[in-house]
């Protein structure tokens, strides 16, 4: 969430940032008008509160004087006390009405602010959509498709992906992994977690996959993505679209202890998305599904460290691609393609020669203080210092099943088998090849 002070003091800057995103439907004028009305009402309320507090103190003092005063003085004090009580009652009624108005304005203002996306950083390139994203570099030489089959043909031929029974159980965009296919996915998850835990920078977490609604608001997924998520109305649980939501909210309403930053987590969870926004796209194979697993990296840092932390996050996510020796590229997202919470982001895309396309397996984002402000997460640089919001960063490290697709398609052999990458073999009891 953007600071109302930022919007109030720099409205033109905010307008330019939103325009770069193509967010022309944000009610910025309504926010500014409501903020002005709220501050005007607050200016009316504050002297009334001050007067009522002063009256309360004087009434207490008069009550003490009346116990020891002579009759004449006591009567005078009682008369004065009666006038003050009447005035206090009048002020109370007036304040009740004004404070009701303030609460209503606070609610409406927060509802409006929750609709405003983060502003793109200056380093983010301009552009309306993914066509304007910038390839920063490519690592490895993409295999030119020759004998390579797409994973949906390869998986069925090897008996490791069963689309028919997946559809039988749950409908379209579901599948079953079998035999070494299921084991390969499990090996990838264990390998990625172990890789990220090698230097003890990350703490492993296994959070719930169903969370309360307020966490979705605090994480920035509501209200914008409500139609793209699964919700259990009876228990009011929301199924997480990414572990990012749960990891953000682990510290919702917390004041982090001095000296704890940076604070980094890694988690593997199931993720659930309706995929309404991608209707009609990528309908073949396992590239897009309503349920998938993902290893997530998440970091809380001091604001001045977040730019460097973003590059570290990209490096950590990319380390999986390098370890598996899969060609990949780093892509900087343009302003119009940024996620709602992100101020700056880089995608990591693996090459899939069977599909003949680059597959996004990670999106690493610097959300600045946007999520921390929504979730009311604060910290002090030192004891007694003012409270600040940390910056938060997140990125997949990596996402399945696209990483699985890249492994199958890059390691397939002319005879139709698939070699298992060497780093994964210890997780598969030494198996070296998948055959039919």
Protein backbone atom coordinates (compact mmCIF):
# COMPACT_ATOMS: atom_id res chain seq x y z
CA UNK A 1 0.00 0.00 0.00
CA UNK A 2 1.30 3.44 -0.85
CA UNK A 3 1.67 5.97 1.94
CA UNK A 4 -1.11 8.55 1.95
CA UNK A 5 1.59 11.10 2.76
CA UNK A 6 3.39 10.20 -0.49
CA UNK A 7 0.18 10.61 -2.49
CA UNK A 8 -0.70 13.87 -0.73
CA UNK A 9 2.74 15.46 -1.08
CA UNK A 10 3.70 14.09 -4.50
CA UNK A 11 0.49 13.55 -6.48
CA UNK A 12 2.13 14.26 -9.84
CA UNK A 13 4.87 11.73 -9.17
CA UNK A 14 2.25 9.12 -8.23
CA UNK A 15 0.24 9.91 -11.38
CA UNK A 16 3.32 9.45 -13.55
CA UNK A 17 4.12 6.13 -11.88
CA UNK A 18 0.57 4.84 -12.34
CA UNK A 19 0.55 6.05 -15.95
CA UNK A 20 3.75 4.07 -16.61
CA UNK A 21 1.92 0.98 -15.36
CA UNK A 22 -1.12 1.72 -17.50
CA UNK A 23 -3.19 1.96 -14.30
CA UNK A 24 -5.53 4.65 -15.56
CA UNK A 25 -8.51 3.44 -13.53
CA UNK A 26 -7.07 4.24 -10.11
CA UNK A 27 -9.32 6.79 -8.29
CA UNK A 28 -6.48 9.10 -7.25
CA UNK A 29 -8.67 12.21 -7.25
CA UNK A 30 -11.14 10.48 -4.93
CA UNK A 31 -8.28 9.53 -2.59
CA UNK A 32 -6.97 13.11 -2.46
CA UNK A 33 -10.44 14.57 -1.93
CA UNK A 34 -11.27 12.11 0.85
CA UNK A 35 -7.90 12.71 2.51
CA UNK A 36 -8.57 16.47 2.49
CA UNK A 37 -12.03 15.95 3.98
CA UNK A 38 -10.64 13.61 6.63
CA UNK A 39 -7.91 16.07 7.69
CA UNK A 40 -10.46 18.89 7.84
CA UNK A 41 -12.69 16.79 10.10
CA UNK A 42 -9.71 15.81 12.23
CA UNK A 43 -8.84 19.48 12.70
CA UNK A 44 -12.37 19.99 14.01
CA UNK A 45 -12.19 16.97 16.29
CA UNK A 46 -8.84 17.61 17.95
CA UNK A 47 -9.73 20.89 19.79
CA UNK A 48 -13.01 19.33 20.94
CA UNK A 49 -11.13 16.33 22.34
CA UNK A 50 -8.67 18.66 24.02
CA UNK A 51 -11.48 20.71 25.59
CA UNK A 52 -13.28 17.60 26.83
CA UNK A 53 -10.08 16.28 28.39
CA UNK A 54 -9.51 19.63 30.12
CA UNK A 55 -13.09 19.60 31.44
CA UNK A 56 -12.64 16.08 32.76
CA UNK A 57 -9.59 17.16 34.73
CA UNK A 58 -11.36 20.26 36.10
CA UNK A 59 -14.44 18.27 37.12
CA UNK A 60 -12.20 15.89 39.04
CA UNK A 61 -10.46 18.80 40.74
CA UNK A 62 -13.81 20.42 41.69
CA UNK A 63 -15.04 17.14 43.16
CA UNK A 64 -12.01 17.06 45.44
CA UNK A 65 -12.48 20.72 46.45
CA UNK A 66 -16.14 20.19 47.30
CA UNK A 67 -15.21 17.66 50.00
CA UNK A 68 -13.22 20.23 51.99
CA UNK A 69 -14.81 23.56 51.00
CA UNK A 70 -17.15 25.71 53.09
CA UNK A 71 -20.84 25.59 52.19
CA UNK A 72 -20.76 28.71 50.02
CA UNK A 73 -17.66 27.63 48.15
CA UNK A 74 -19.02 24.13 47.81
CA UNK A 75 -22.22 25.40 46.23
CA UNK A 76 -20.20 27.50 43.81
CA UNK A 77 -18.06 24.52 42.93
CA UNK A 78 -21.15 22.33 42.46
CA UNK A 79 -22.68 24.91 40.13
CA UNK A 80 -19.45 25.14 38.13
CA UNK A 81 -19.21 21.34 38.04
CA UNK A 82 -22.78 21.06 36.77
CA UNK A 83 -22.06 23.50 33.93
CA UNK A 84 -18.92 21.60 32.99
CA UNK A 85 -20.71 18.24 32.99
CA UNK A 86 -23.36 19.67 30.68
CA UNK A 87 -20.68 21.07 28.37
CA UNK A 88 -18.83 17.72 28.42
CA UNK A 89 -22.06 15.91 27.48
CA UNK A 90 -22.59 18.31 24.58
CA UNK A 91 -19.01 17.83 23.41
CA UNK A 92 -19.34 14.07 23.75
CA UNK A 93 -22.41 13.97 21.52
CA UNK A 94 -20.71 16.16 18.94
CA UNK A 95 -17.52 14.10 19.06
CA UNK A 96 -19.47 10.85 18.70
CA UNK A 97 -20.90 12.09 15.41
CA UNK A 98 -17.57 13.41 14.12
CA UNK A 99 -15.66 10.30 15.18
CA UNK A 100 -18.23 8.12 13.42
CA UNK A 101 -17.55 10.20 10.32
CA UNK A 102 -13.79 9.78 10.80
CA UNK A 103 -14.09 6.01 11.15
CA UNK A 104 -16.18 5.88 7.99
CA UNK A 105 -13.66 8.06 6.14
CA UNK A 106 -10.76 5.93 7.40
CA UNK A 107 -12.49 2.80 6.11
CA UNK A 108 -13.29 4.36 2.72
CA UNK A 109 -9.78 5.79 2.39
CA UNK A 110 -8.18 2.42 3.17
CA UNK A 111 -10.49 0.68 0.68
CA UNK A 112 -9.36 3.12 -2.00
CA UNK A 113 -5.67 2.84 -1.10
CA UNK A 114 -5.87 -0.96 -1.31
CA UNK A 115 -6.72 -0.59 -5.01
CA UNK A 116 -3.51 1.33 -5.79
CA UNK A 117 -0.58 -0.77 -7.10
CA UNK A 118 3.03 -0.13 -6.21
CA UNK A 119 4.91 2.48 -8.24
CA UNK A 120 7.60 1.29 -10.67
CA UNK A 121 11.19 2.06 -9.73
CA UNK A 122 13.11 4.50 -11.89
CA UNK A 123 15.26 1.68 -13.27
CA UNK A 124 12.23 -0.16 -14.66
CA UNK A 125 11.92 0.22 -18.46
CA UNK A 126 8.77 1.75 -19.94
CA UNK A 127 6.34 -0.47 -21.81
CA UNK A 128 2.70 -1.50 -21.85
CA UNK A 129 3.04 -5.29 -21.72
CA UNK A 130 5.44 -8.24 -21.84
CA UNK A 131 6.50 -7.38 -25.39
CA UNK A 132 8.51 -4.49 -23.92
CA UNK A 133 10.37 -6.62 -21.37
CA UNK A 134 14.14 -6.55 -21.73
CA UNK A 135 16.36 -9.63 -21.95
CA UNK A 136 19.32 -8.82 -19.71
CA UNK A 137 21.41 -11.90 -20.50
CA UNK A 138 21.18 -15.51 -21.64
CA UNK A 139 23.13 -18.32 -19.97
CA UNK A 140 23.85 -21.50 -21.89
CA UNK A 141 23.09 -22.27 -25.50
CA UNK A 142 19.42 -23.06 -26.19
CA UNK A 143 19.09 -26.48 -27.80
CA UNK A 144 17.75 -26.29 -31.34
CA UNK A 145 14.74 -28.64 -31.56
CA UNK A 146 15.47 -31.67 -33.75
CA UNK A 147 14.21 -34.96 -32.34
CA UNK A 148 12.74 -33.20 -29.28
CA UNK A 149 9.13 -33.95 -28.44
CA UNK A 150 6.96 -31.63 -26.33
CA UNK A 151 6.64 -32.87 -22.77
CA UNK A 152 3.00 -33.92 -23.17
CA UNK A 153 3.99 -36.42 -25.86
CA UNK A 154 7.20 -37.42 -24.11
CA UNK A 155 5.53 -37.87 -20.72
CA UNK A 156 2.77 -40.09 -22.08
CA UNK A 157 5.21 -42.17 -24.14
CA UNK A 158 7.32 -42.78 -21.03
CA UNK A 159 4.27 -43.50 -18.88
CA UNK A 160 5.13 -40.75 -16.35
CA UNK A 161 2.34 -38.23 -17.08
CA UNK A 162 -1.30 -39.35 -17.22
CA UNK A 163 -3.61 -36.64 -18.55
CA UNK A 164 -6.64 -38.89 -19.00
CA UNK A 165 -6.83 -39.98 -15.37
CA UNK A 166 -6.01 -36.50 -14.12
CA UNK A 167 -8.96 -35.17 -16.08
CA UNK A 168 -11.08 -38.08 -14.84
CA UNK A 169 -10.36 -37.06 -11.24
CA UNK A 170 -10.57 -33.28 -11.47
CA UNK A 171 -11.28 -32.05 -15.01
CA UNK A 172 -9.20 -30.00 -17.41
CA UNK A 173 -5.77 -28.67 -16.44
CA UNK A 174 -5.16 -31.54 -14.04
CA UNK A 175 -2.82 -34.50 -14.54
CA UNK A 176 -1.19 -37.35 -12.65
CA UNK A 177 2.57 -37.81 -12.36
CA UNK A 178 3.55 -41.47 -12.12
CA UNK A 179 6.58 -43.66 -11.51
CA UNK A 180 9.84 -41.78 -12.09
CA UNK A 181 7.87 -38.71 -13.17
CA UNK A 182 6.44 -38.31 -9.67
CA UNK A 183 9.82 -39.10 -8.17
CA UNK A 184 11.57 -36.60 -10.44
CA UNK A 185 9.30 -33.81 -9.22
CA UNK A 186 9.91 -34.82 -5.61
CA UNK A 187 13.66 -34.89 -6.30
CA UNK A 188 13.55 -31.40 -7.80
CA UNK A 189 11.78 -30.02 -4.73
CA UNK A 190 14.23 -31.62 -2.28
CA UNK A 191 17.22 -30.57 -4.39
CA UNK A 192 16.07 -26.94 -4.62
CA UNK A 193 15.35 -26.69 -0.89
CA UNK A 194 18.73 -28.17 0.01
CA UNK A 195 20.50 -25.86 -2.45
CA UNK A 196 18.95 -22.75 -0.92
CA UNK A 197 19.75 -23.93 2.61
CA UNK A 198 23.46 -24.53 2.01
CA UNK A 199 24.76 -21.28 3.52
CA UNK A 200 22.14 -20.90 6.28
CA UNK A 201 20.86 -17.58 4.94
CA UNK A 202 17.34 -18.96 4.54
CA UNK A 203 15.15 -20.51 7.20
CA UNK A 204 12.91 -23.30 5.92
CA UNK A 205 9.20 -22.92 6.63
CA UNK A 206 6.20 -25.11 5.84
CA UNK A 207 3.16 -22.82 6.22
CA UNK A 208 -0.55 -23.65 5.92
CA UNK A 209 -2.00 -23.73 2.41
CA UNK A 210 -5.31 -22.29 3.63
CA UNK A 211 -5.30 -18.89 5.34
CA UNK A 212 -7.67 -16.23 6.64
CA UNK A 213 -8.99 -13.50 4.38
CA UNK A 214 -7.15 -10.65 6.12
CA UNK A 215 -3.87 -12.26 5.03
CA UNK A 216 -4.91 -12.00 1.39
CA UNK A 217 -5.62 -8.28 1.82
CA UNK A 218 -2.35 -7.70 3.67
CA UNK A 219 -0.37 -9.64 1.06
CA UNK A 220 -1.78 -7.57 -1.80
CA UNK A 221 -3.83 -10.35 -3.45
CA UNK A 222 -7.19 -8.85 -2.56
CA UNK A 223 -9.16 -7.17 -3.96
CA UNK A 224 -7.48 -7.36 -7.39
CA UNK A 225 -7.14 -11.14 -7.77
CA UNK A 226 -10.29 -12.32 -5.98
CA UNK A 227 -11.68 -13.99 -9.11
CA UNK A 228 -8.46 -15.92 -9.69
CA UNK A 229 -8.26 -17.63 -6.28
CA UNK A 230 -10.05 -20.48 -4.54
CA UNK A 231 -12.15 -19.68 -1.48
CA UNK A 232 -13.92 -21.96 0.99
CA UNK A 233 -16.93 -19.85 1.94
CA UNK A 234 -18.09 -22.08 4.80
CA UNK A 235 -14.85 -21.87 6.80
CA UNK A 236 -13.73 -18.59 5.15
CA UNK A 237 -10.37 -20.05 4.15
CA UNK A 238 -8.49 -18.86 1.08
CA UNK A 239 -6.20 -21.34 -0.67
CA UNK A 240 -2.80 -19.71 -1.15
CA UNK A 241 -1.87 -18.77 -4.75
CA UNK A 242 1.78 -18.68 -3.64
CA UNK A 243 3.70 -19.15 -0.39
CA UNK A 244 4.53 -15.43 -0.67
CA UNK A 245 1.17 -14.62 0.94
CA UNK A 246 1.78 -16.82 3.96
CA UNK A 247 5.40 -15.72 4.39
CA UNK A 248 4.43 -12.04 4.31
CA UNK A 249 1.78 -12.56 6.96
CA UNK A 250 3.98 -14.54 9.34
CA UNK A 251 5.01 -11.10 10.63
CA UNK A 252 1.74 -9.20 10.13
CA UNK A 253 1.31 -6.55 12.86
CA UNK A 254 4.79 -7.40 14.25
CA UNK A 255 7.55 -5.06 15.33
CA UNK A 256 10.69 -6.97 14.33
CA UNK A 257 13.41 -6.98 16.93
CA UNK A 258 16.38 -4.70 16.35
CA UNK A 259 19.19 -6.52 14.56
CA UNK A 260 17.04 -9.29 13.04
CA UNK A 261 17.13 -7.94 9.46
CA UNK A 262 17.75 -9.31 6.93
CA UNK A 263 15.27 -12.10 7.59
CA UNK A 264 14.96 -14.73 4.85
CA UNK A 265 12.66 -17.73 4.41
CA UNK A 266 12.35 -20.58 1.92
CA UNK A 267 9.19 -22.67 1.64
CA UNK A 268 7.71 -25.28 -0.64
CA UNK A 269 3.92 -25.34 -0.81
CA UNK A 270 1.11 -26.33 -3.09
CA UNK A 271 -0.35 -23.29 -4.87
CA UNK A 272 -3.87 -22.87 -6.20
CA UNK A 273 -5.09 -20.54 -8.97
CA UNK A 274 -8.19 -20.55 -11.11
CA UNK A 275 -6.19 -19.48 -14.20
CA UNK A 276 -9.15 -17.40 -15.41
CA UNK A 277 -6.73 -14.76 -16.59
CA UNK A 278 -5.10 -17.28 -18.93
CA UNK A 279 -8.26 -18.82 -20.36
CA UNK A 280 -7.56 -20.41 -23.74
CA UNK A 281 -3.78 -20.17 -23.36
CA UNK A 282 -1.31 -23.05 -23.07
CA UNK A 283 -4.05 -25.65 -22.85
CA UNK A 284 -1.75 -28.55 -23.71
CA UNK A 285 0.55 -30.18 -21.23
CA UNK A 286 1.27 -29.25 -17.63
CA UNK A 287 2.47 -25.68 -18.10
CA UNK A 288 -0.64 -24.11 -16.56
CA UNK A 289 -2.70 -25.83 -13.89
CA UNK A 290 -5.08 -25.00 -11.08
CA UNK A 291 -2.75 -26.74 -8.60
CA UNK A 292 1.04 -26.77 -8.65
CA UNK A 293 4.03 -26.88 -6.30
CA UNK A 294 6.52 -24.07 -5.90
CA UNK A 295 9.63 -23.36 -3.87
CA UNK A 296 9.44 -19.74 -2.71
CA UNK A 297 12.18 -17.40 -1.48
CA UNK A 298 11.20 -14.43 0.70
CA UNK A 299 13.29 -11.72 2.38
CA UNK A 300 12.71 -8.79 4.76
CA UNK A 301 15.47 -6.15 4.55
CA UNK A 302 16.21 -2.58 5.54
CA UNK A 303 15.10 -0.17 2.76
CA UNK A 304 18.59 0.81 1.60
CA UNK A 305 19.49 -2.87 1.15
CA UNK A 306 16.58 -3.89 -1.08
CA UNK A 307 18.20 -3.07 -4.45
CA UNK A 308 21.17 -5.33 -3.67
CA UNK A 309 18.85 -7.92 -2.12
CA UNK A 310 16.91 -8.14 -5.39
CA UNK A 311 20.06 -9.07 -7.30
CA UNK A 312 20.93 -11.62 -4.60
CA UNK A 313 17.45 -13.11 -4.93
CA UNK A 314 17.81 -13.45 -8.71
CA UNK A 315 21.21 -15.07 -8.20
CA UNK A 316 19.77 -17.56 -5.69
CA UNK A 317 16.89 -18.51 -7.97
CA UNK A 318 19.20 -18.76 -10.99
CA UNK A 319 21.53 -21.09 -9.08
CA UNK A 320 19.03 -23.89 -9.69
CA UNK A 321 19.19 -23.36 -13.46
CA UNK A 322 22.99 -23.34 -13.37
CA UNK A 323 23.19 -26.46 -11.20
CA UNK A 324 20.89 -28.32 -13.61
CA UNK A 325 22.82 -26.98 -16.65
CA UNK A 326 19.63 -25.81 -18.36
CA UNK A 327 19.81 -22.83 -20.76
CA UNK A 328 17.98 -19.85 -19.32
CA UNK A 329 17.70 -16.11 -19.56
CA UNK A 330 17.11 -13.18 -17.19
CA UNK A 331 14.37 -10.76 -18.26
CA UNK A 332 13.67 -7.36 -16.72
CA UNK A 333 9.95 -6.61 -16.61
CA UNK A 334 8.70 -3.33 -18.02
CA UNK A 335 6.39 -1.06 -16.02
CA UNK A 336 3.23 -2.36 -17.67
CA UNK A 337 4.06 -6.00 -16.88
CA UNK A 338 4.92 -5.60 -13.20
CA UNK A 339 2.92 -7.50 -10.61
CA UNK A 340 0.56 -5.49 -8.41
CA UNK A 341 2.95 -5.46 -5.41
CA UNK A 342 6.22 -5.05 -7.30
CA UNK A 343 8.30 -1.92 -7.84
CA UNK A 344 10.91 -3.83 -9.85
CA UNK A 345 11.06 -7.42 -11.07
CA UNK A 346 13.13 -9.89 -13.08
CA UNK A 347 11.85 -13.12 -14.59
CA UNK A 348 13.98 -16.22 -15.04
CA UNK A 349 12.99 -18.26 -18.09
CA UNK A 350 14.20 -21.76 -18.93
CA UNK A 351 14.41 -22.95 -22.51
CA UNK A 352 12.11 -25.84 -23.45
CA UNK A 353 13.16 -27.26 -26.84
CA UNK A 354 10.17 -29.60 -27.16
CA UNK A 355 7.68 -26.75 -26.75
CA UNK A 356 10.05 -24.41 -28.57
CA UNK A 357 9.60 -21.63 -26.02
CA UNK A 358 11.01 -19.93 -22.96
CA UNK A 359 9.19 -20.89 -19.77
CA UNK A 360 8.99 -18.51 -16.82
CA UNK A 361 10.12 -20.49 -13.77
CA UNK A 362 10.66 -17.55 -11.43
CA UNK A 363 9.67 -13.94 -11.01
CA UNK A 364 11.84 -12.09 -8.48
CA UNK A 365 10.29 -8.88 -7.17
CA UNK A 366 11.27 -6.00 -4.93
CA UNK A 367 8.04 -4.82 -3.32
CA UNK A 368 9.75 -1.99 -1.36
CA UNK A 369 7.61 -1.12 1.72
CA UNK A 370 4.33 -1.79 -0.14
CA UNK A 371 3.47 -5.16 1.44
CA UNK A 372 4.95 -4.30 4.84
CA UNK A 373 2.74 -1.20 5.01
CA UNK A 374 -0.38 -3.22 4.11
CA UNK A 375 0.53 -5.89 6.67
CA UNK A 376 1.61 -3.36 9.33
CA UNK A 377 5.09 -4.89 9.65
CA UNK A 378 7.59 -2.57 11.32
CA UNK A 379 11.10 -2.56 12.76
CA UNK A 380 13.51 -0.28 14.63
CA UNK A 381 17.08 0.23 13.42
CA UNK A 382 18.15 0.54 17.05
CA UNK A 383 16.50 0.64 20.44
CA UNK A 384 14.42 3.78 20.87
CA UNK A 385 14.50 4.66 17.16
CA UNK A 386 11.32 5.46 15.26
CA UNK A 387 9.35 2.65 13.69
CA UNK A 388 9.88 2.02 9.96
CA UNK A 389 8.51 -0.42 7.42
CA UNK A 390 11.05 -2.94 6.06
CA UNK A 391 11.23 -3.75 2.36
CA UNK A 392 10.07 -7.19 1.23
CA UNK A 393 11.26 -9.27 -1.71
CA UNK A 394 10.00 -12.54 -3.11
CA UNK A 395 10.84 -14.94 -5.90
CA UNK A 396 10.30 -18.54 -6.95
CA UNK A 397 13.26 -20.75 -6.43
CA UNK A 398 11.87 -22.42 -8.63
CA UNK A 399 8.30 -23.15 -9.73
CA UNK A 400 7.01 -26.53 -10.75
CA UNK A 401 5.89 -28.00 -13.06
CA UNK A 402 7.71 -25.73 -15.53
CA UNK A 403 11.08 -26.68 -14.12
CA UNK A 404 10.05 -30.31 -14.59
CA UNK A 405 9.11 -29.54 -18.21
CA UNK A 406 12.52 -27.97 -18.85
CA UNK A 407 14.33 -30.97 -17.38
CA UNK A 408 12.33 -33.49 -19.42
CA UNK A 409 12.65 -31.58 -22.70
CA UNK A 410 16.33 -30.64 -22.37
CA UNK A 411 17.48 -34.05 -21.18
CA UNK A 412 15.46 -36.19 -23.59
CA UNK A 413 17.51 -38.46 -25.85
CA UNK A 414 17.04 -39.49 -29.51
CA UNK A 415 15.82 -42.93 -28.37
CA UNK A 416 12.93 -41.32 -26.43
CA UNK A 417 14.45 -41.78 -22.97
CA UNK A 418 15.31 -38.95 -20.56
CA UNK A 419 18.62 -38.67 -18.73
CA UNK A 420 18.30 -37.61 -15.12
CA UNK A 421 20.54 -34.61 -14.33
CA UNK A 422 23.44 -35.67 -12.12
CA UNK A 423 22.56 -33.36 -9.18
CA UNK A 424 19.15 -35.08 -8.93
CA UNK A 425 20.34 -38.69 -9.00
CA UNK A 426 21.11 -38.90 -5.26
CA UNK A 427 17.46 -37.96 -4.65
CA UNK A 428 16.30 -40.78 -6.96
CA UNK A 429 18.27 -43.69 -5.47
CA UNK A 430 20.87 -43.32 -8.19
CA UNK A 431 18.51 -43.74 -11.15
CA UNK A 432 20.18 -42.34 -14.27
CA UNK A 433 17.54 -42.58 -16.97
CA UNK A 434 13.76 -42.62 -17.47
CA UNK A 435 12.63 -45.17 -20.03
CA UNK A 436 9.25 -46.47 -21.13
